[in-house]
């Protein structure tokens, strides 16, 4: 089974938001996700985080439009969050929380591990602390992006 790429919230926020050094790369990641929906996925909590970000910090009309675009791109691969995923966070917290990972990062990791095998596309270096997964940084997109199949 080939790896799946979990798309973290910051990819959506950077692609949809204000000017940012990673904006263009994050937009390219989402374009590739739209082209290859069976390869990229995310979870419902990522969309909730995106919604929270824009309701709290950004102008809402821009956030609503960005949420609709990102949701449309990822629609075929938005994983639900189950009670078992939340229970898995408790296990992961015991292993990794001394590193200061957020509960949301732990939840995304639990979902990604359930779907597995997964690599996490994120600008958040905290995901690099999970030996079970590989962190793929947007700045390295050209090196890790999946190539078209021959």
Foldseek 3Di string as FASTA:
>chain_A
DDAAEEEALVLLDLCQHDDDPLNVLSVVVLVVCLVPVVRYAYEPVSLVVLQVCCVPPHPVVSSVVSSVVSCVSRVVHYHYQDPVLLVVLVVVCVVQCVVVDDSVVSSRVSVCVVVDPYEYEDCDCSVCVDPSYHYDYSVCCVVPPDDDDD
